[in-house]
Amino acid sequence: MAGGNEDNNEYIQKNYSSGGAAHAKLNIDMNDSLKLLWNTSTTKLLISEYKKRLEQFRNPKIKKKSLWEAIAQIFRKIGYNITVQELDCKMRNIKHHYKTIKDNNKNKTGRGRIVWEYYDIVDELFLDDKTINHGKILNSMEFRTNAEVTSSTKATAARGLYRTRVEYLETEKRRVTAIENLVKEISENNNIQKERNELLRKYLGENSSENQ
């Protein structure tokens, strides 16, 4: 079994590792714990195999269990006895860790930013995943269909037309009121003038009688 493990470790280091003393951990037995299993090389292996099947994982018609089983078989071939549930749980943890770091690093620089060795490859993996990268979709305008935009535009135009009509009616009402007030004032002035004329005629008539 020792020779087989050496071949498996050589395979992982060749295809998924970045070098360094940390990869000595790869010399483990099939019955070792998950804590020893998840190191840089095996984590990159999981991410790589997940990426190969990314479109299938996103397809609702394909059973996810079969995809995880295919990845589990790859791990078993290189000496790791791992279950479908364990792989799924690890990937969920990766997603959660990625989202936490991404949210934390928004608008932060220097010491405020969190550095994670898998960030770049995971960011590439989930770049267009709307369940994780929601920063660009907070604005609901980006999701509106043409029909919704057209409907909204029509509603806005209708509200504008309604306001214009209300303003016009209010203006007309004020104009009519002003005209009515003017007519009333003219009428009152005419009555006053008539009274004055009548008084003037009486006065002139009285003076004329006295003079005779």
Protein backbone atom coordinates (compact mmCIF):
# COMPACT_ATOMS: atom_id res chain seq x y z
CA MET A 1 0.00 0.00 0.00
CA ALA A 2 2.95 2.32 0.68
CA GLY A 3 4.03 2.26 -2.98
CA GLY A 4 0.48 3.04 -4.07
CA ASN A 5 0.29 6.03 -1.73
CA GLU A 6 3.56 7.36 -3.12
CA ASP A 7 2.14 7.20 -6.65
CA ASN A 8 -1.06 8.93 -5.52
CA ASN A 9 0.83 11.68 -3.73
CA GLU A 10 3.04 12.21 -6.76
CA TYR A 11 -0.10 12.52 -8.93
CA ILE A 12 -1.67 15.19 -6.68
CA GLN A 13 1.53 17.15 -6.33
CA LYS A 14 2.06 17.11 -10.10
CA ASN A 15 -1.45 18.24 -10.97
CA TYR A 16 -2.76 20.31 -8.05
CA SER A 17 -0.01 21.39 -5.65
CA SER A 18 2.05 24.58 -5.58
CA GLY A 19 5.09 23.00 -3.88
CA GLY A 20 6.45 23.37 -0.37
CA ALA A 21 6.99 21.38 2.82
CA ALA A 22 3.28 21.44 3.64
CA HIS A 23 2.67 18.71 1.08
CA ALA A 24 4.40 16.16 3.26
CA LYS A 25 0.93 15.77 4.78
CA LEU A 26 -0.11 13.92 1.63
CA ASN A 27 1.52 10.71 2.91
CA ILE A 28 -1.58 9.61 4.77
CA ASP A 29 -3.54 6.40 4.92
CA MET A 30 -7.09 5.96 3.56
CA ASN A 31 -8.45 5.79 7.11
CA ASP A 32 -6.90 9.11 8.26
CA SER A 33 -9.21 11.95 9.36
CA LEU A 34 -10.67 14.70 7.16
CA LYS A 35 -8.59 17.22 9.07
CA LEU A 36 -5.51 15.70 7.49
CA LEU A 37 -7.19 15.23 4.12
CA TRP A 38 -8.05 18.86 3.48
CA ASN A 39 -4.74 20.49 2.70
CA THR A 40 -3.76 22.79 -0.17
CA SER A 41 -3.43 20.03 -2.78
CA THR A 42 -6.64 18.15 -2.00
CA THR A 43 -8.64 21.36 -1.71
CA LYS A 44 -7.38 22.48 -5.11
CA LEU A 45 -8.25 19.03 -6.47
CA LEU A 46 -11.83 19.41 -5.23
CA ILE A 47 -12.16 22.91 -6.67
CA SER A 48 -10.72 21.78 -9.99
CA GLU A 49 -13.05 18.79 -10.34
CA TYR A 50 -16.02 20.90 -9.28
CA LYS A 51 -15.12 23.49 -11.91
CA LYS A 52 -15.05 20.82 -14.63
CA ARG A 53 -18.65 19.98 -13.76
CA LEU A 54 -19.80 23.51 -12.95
CA GLU A 55 -22.44 23.73 -15.69
CA GLN A 56 -23.77 20.32 -14.69
CA PHE A 57 -24.02 21.39 -11.05
CA ARG A 58 -26.07 24.38 -12.18
CA ASN A 59 -28.37 22.26 -14.32
CA PRO A 60 -31.53 21.49 -12.28
CA LYS A 61 -32.21 18.42 -14.40
CA ILE A 62 -29.00 16.69 -13.32
CA LYS A 63 -28.83 14.97 -9.92
CA LYS A 64 -26.05 16.51 -7.84
CA LYS A 65 -25.39 13.24 -6.03
CA SER A 66 -24.16 11.60 -9.23
CA LEU A 67 -21.73 14.47 -9.82
CA TRP A 68 -20.37 14.27 -6.28
CA GLU A 69 -20.03 10.50 -6.65
CA ALA A 70 -17.90 11.00 -9.78
CA ILE A 71 -15.61 13.36 -7.85
CA ALA A 72 -15.49 10.97 -4.89
CA GLN A 73 -14.32 8.21 -7.25
CA ILE A 74 -11.38 10.36 -8.30
CA PHE A 75 -10.38 10.86 -4.66
CA ARG A 76 -10.71 7.14 -4.00
CA LYS A 77 -8.51 6.29 -6.96
CA ILE A 78 -5.68 8.29 -5.45
CA GLY A 79 -6.08 6.80 -2.00
CA TYR A 80 -8.69 8.90 -0.16
CA ASN A 81 -11.78 7.19 1.20
CA ILE A 82 -14.27 10.08 1.18
CA THR A 83 -18.03 10.23 0.92
CA VAL A 84 -20.33 12.30 -1.27
CA GLN A 85 -21.65 14.12 1.81
CA GLU A 86 -18.15 15.10 2.92
CA LEU A 87 -17.29 16.55 -0.48
CA ASP A 88 -20.55 18.47 -0.61
CA CYS A 89 -19.98 19.82 2.90
CA LYS A 90 -16.43 20.92 2.05
CA MET A 91 -17.58 22.78 -1.06
CA ARG A 92 -20.33 24.50 0.94
CA ASN A 93 -17.71 25.61 3.44
CA ILE A 94 -15.54 26.94 0.60
CA LYS A 95 -18.48 28.92 -0.78
CA HIS A 96 -19.31 30.30 2.66
CA HIS A 97 -15.70 31.26 3.35
CA TYR A 98 -15.40 32.92 -0.06
CA LYS A 99 -18.60 34.95 0.42
CA THR A 100 -17.52 36.03 3.92
CA ILE A 101 -14.16 37.25 2.66
CA LYS A 102 -15.68 38.96 -0.38
CA ASP A 103 -18.20 40.82 1.79
CA ASN A 104 -15.48 41.77 4.28
CA ASN A 105 -13.09 43.07 1.61
CA LYS A 106 -15.60 45.40 0.00
CA ASN A 107 -14.35 48.99 0.22
CA LYS A 108 -11.43 47.90 2.43
CA THR A 109 -7.72 48.26 1.81
CA GLY A 110 -4.52 47.28 3.57
CA ARG A 111 -4.82 45.50 6.91
CA GLY A 112 -8.59 45.49 6.76
CA ARG A 113 -8.59 42.99 3.89
CA ILE A 114 -8.55 39.22 4.47
CA VAL A 115 -6.10 37.17 2.42
CA TRP A 116 -7.06 33.60 1.43
CA GLU A 117 -4.89 31.35 -0.72
CA TYR A 118 -7.87 29.99 -2.67
CA TYR A 119 -9.60 33.33 -3.22
CA ASP A 120 -8.58 33.92 -6.85
CA ILE A 121 -9.48 30.45 -8.14
CA VAL A 122 -12.75 30.41 -6.19
CA ASP A 123 -13.57 33.95 -7.31
CA GLU A 124 -13.16 32.83 -10.92
CA LEU A 125 -15.34 29.83 -10.21
CA PHE A 126 -18.24 31.76 -8.67
CA LEU A 127 -17.83 35.08 -10.50
CA ASP A 128 -21.21 34.81 -12.24
CA ASP A 129 -22.98 32.97 -9.43
CA LYS A 130 -25.84 35.33 -8.48
CA THR A 131 -26.42 33.55 -5.17
CA ILE A 132 -22.94 34.63 -4.05
CA ASN A 133 -21.87 37.66 -6.07
CA HIS A 134 -24.89 39.85 -5.50
CA GLY A 135 -23.04 43.15 -5.36
CA LYS A 136 -23.93 44.07 -8.93
CA ILE A 137 -27.51 42.96 -8.69
CA LEU A 138 -28.66 44.94 -5.72
CA ASN A 139 -30.08 47.46 -8.15
CA SER A 140 -33.35 45.89 -9.25
CA MET A 141 -33.31 47.95 -12.45
CA GLU A 142 -30.80 45.47 -13.90
CA PHE A 143 -33.32 42.65 -13.58
CA ARG A 144 -36.32 44.33 -15.14
CA THR A 145 -37.53 42.89 -18.41
CA ASN A 146 -38.36 45.02 -21.41
CA ALA A 147 -42.05 44.64 -20.62
CA GLU A 148 -41.47 45.86 -17.06
CA VAL A 149 -39.41 48.82 -18.26
CA THR A 150 -42.08 49.69 -20.85
CA SER A 151 -44.81 49.37 -18.25
CA SER A 152 -42.87 51.56 -15.83
CA THR A 153 -42.25 54.15 -18.55
CA LYS A 154 -45.93 54.24 -19.43
CA ALA A 155 -46.88 54.59 -15.76
CA THR A 156 -44.42 57.47 -15.35
CA ALA A 157 -45.79 59.17 -18.47
CA ALA A 158 -49.36 58.68 -17.23
CA ARG A 159 -48.51 60.23 -13.86
CA GLY A 160 -46.86 63.15 -15.61
CA LEU A 161 -49.91 63.64 -17.84
CA TYR A 162 -52.21 63.47 -14.82
CA ARG A 163 -50.18 66.10 -12.95
CA THR A 164 -50.19 68.34 -16.03
CA ARG A 165 -53.96 68.00 -16.36
CA VAL A 166 -54.50 68.75 -12.65
CA GLU A 167 -52.28 71.82 -12.89
CA TYR A 168 -54.15 72.97 -16.02
CA LEU A 169 -57.54 72.56 -14.32
CA GLU A 170 -56.33 74.43 -11.27
CA THR A 171 -55.06 77.24 -13.48
CA GLU A 172 -58.37 77.38 -15.36
CA LYS A 173 -60.28 77.41 -12.08
CA ARG A 174 -58.23 80.34 -10.82
CA ARG A 175 -58.69 82.16 -14.14
CA VAL A 176 -62.49 81.68 -14.10
CA THR A 177 -62.63 82.83 -10.48
CA ALA A 178 -60.60 85.93 -11.37
CA ILE A 179 -62.94 86.71 -14.28
CA GLU A 180 -66.01 86.25 -12.09
CA ASN A 181 -64.55 88.58 -9.48
CA LEU A 182 -63.76 91.14 -12.17
CA VAL A 183 -67.28 90.97 -13.58
CA LYS A 184 -68.72 91.35 -10.10
CA GLU A 185 -66.48 94.33 -9.41
CA ILE A 186 -67.44 95.96 -12.71
CA SER A 187 -71.10 95.33 -12.00
CA GLU A 188 -70.79 96.91 -8.55
CA ASN A 189 -68.98 99.89 -10.05
CA ASN A 190 -71.71 100.28 -12.66
CA ASN A 191 -74.40 100.27 -9.96
CA ILE A 192 -72.53 102.86 -8.00
CA GLN A 193 -72.17 104.97 -11.12
CA LYS A 194 -75.87 104.66 -11.84
CA GLU A 195 -76.69 105.85 -8.33
CA ARG A 196 -74.36 108.79 -8.77
CA ASN A 197 -75.91 109.67 -12.10
CA GLU A 198 -79.39 109.48 -10.59
CA LEU A 199 -78.38 111.74 -7.72
CA LEU A 200 -76.80 114.14 -10.19
CA ARG A 201 -80.00 114.33 -12.28
CA LYS A 202 -82.09 114.97 -9.19
CA TYR A 203 -79.72 117.68 -8.08
CA LEU A 204 -79.75 119.34 -11.46
CA GLY A 205 -83.54 119.05 -11.64
CA GLU A 206 -83.99 120.69 -8.24
CA ASN A 207 -81.65 123.57 -9.13
CA SER A 208 -83.48 124.10 -12.39
CA SER A 209 -86.86 124.39 -10.61
CA GLU A 210 -85.53 126.95 -8.13
CA ASN A 211 -84.10 129.09 -10.88
CA GLN A 212 -87.47 129.28 -12.63
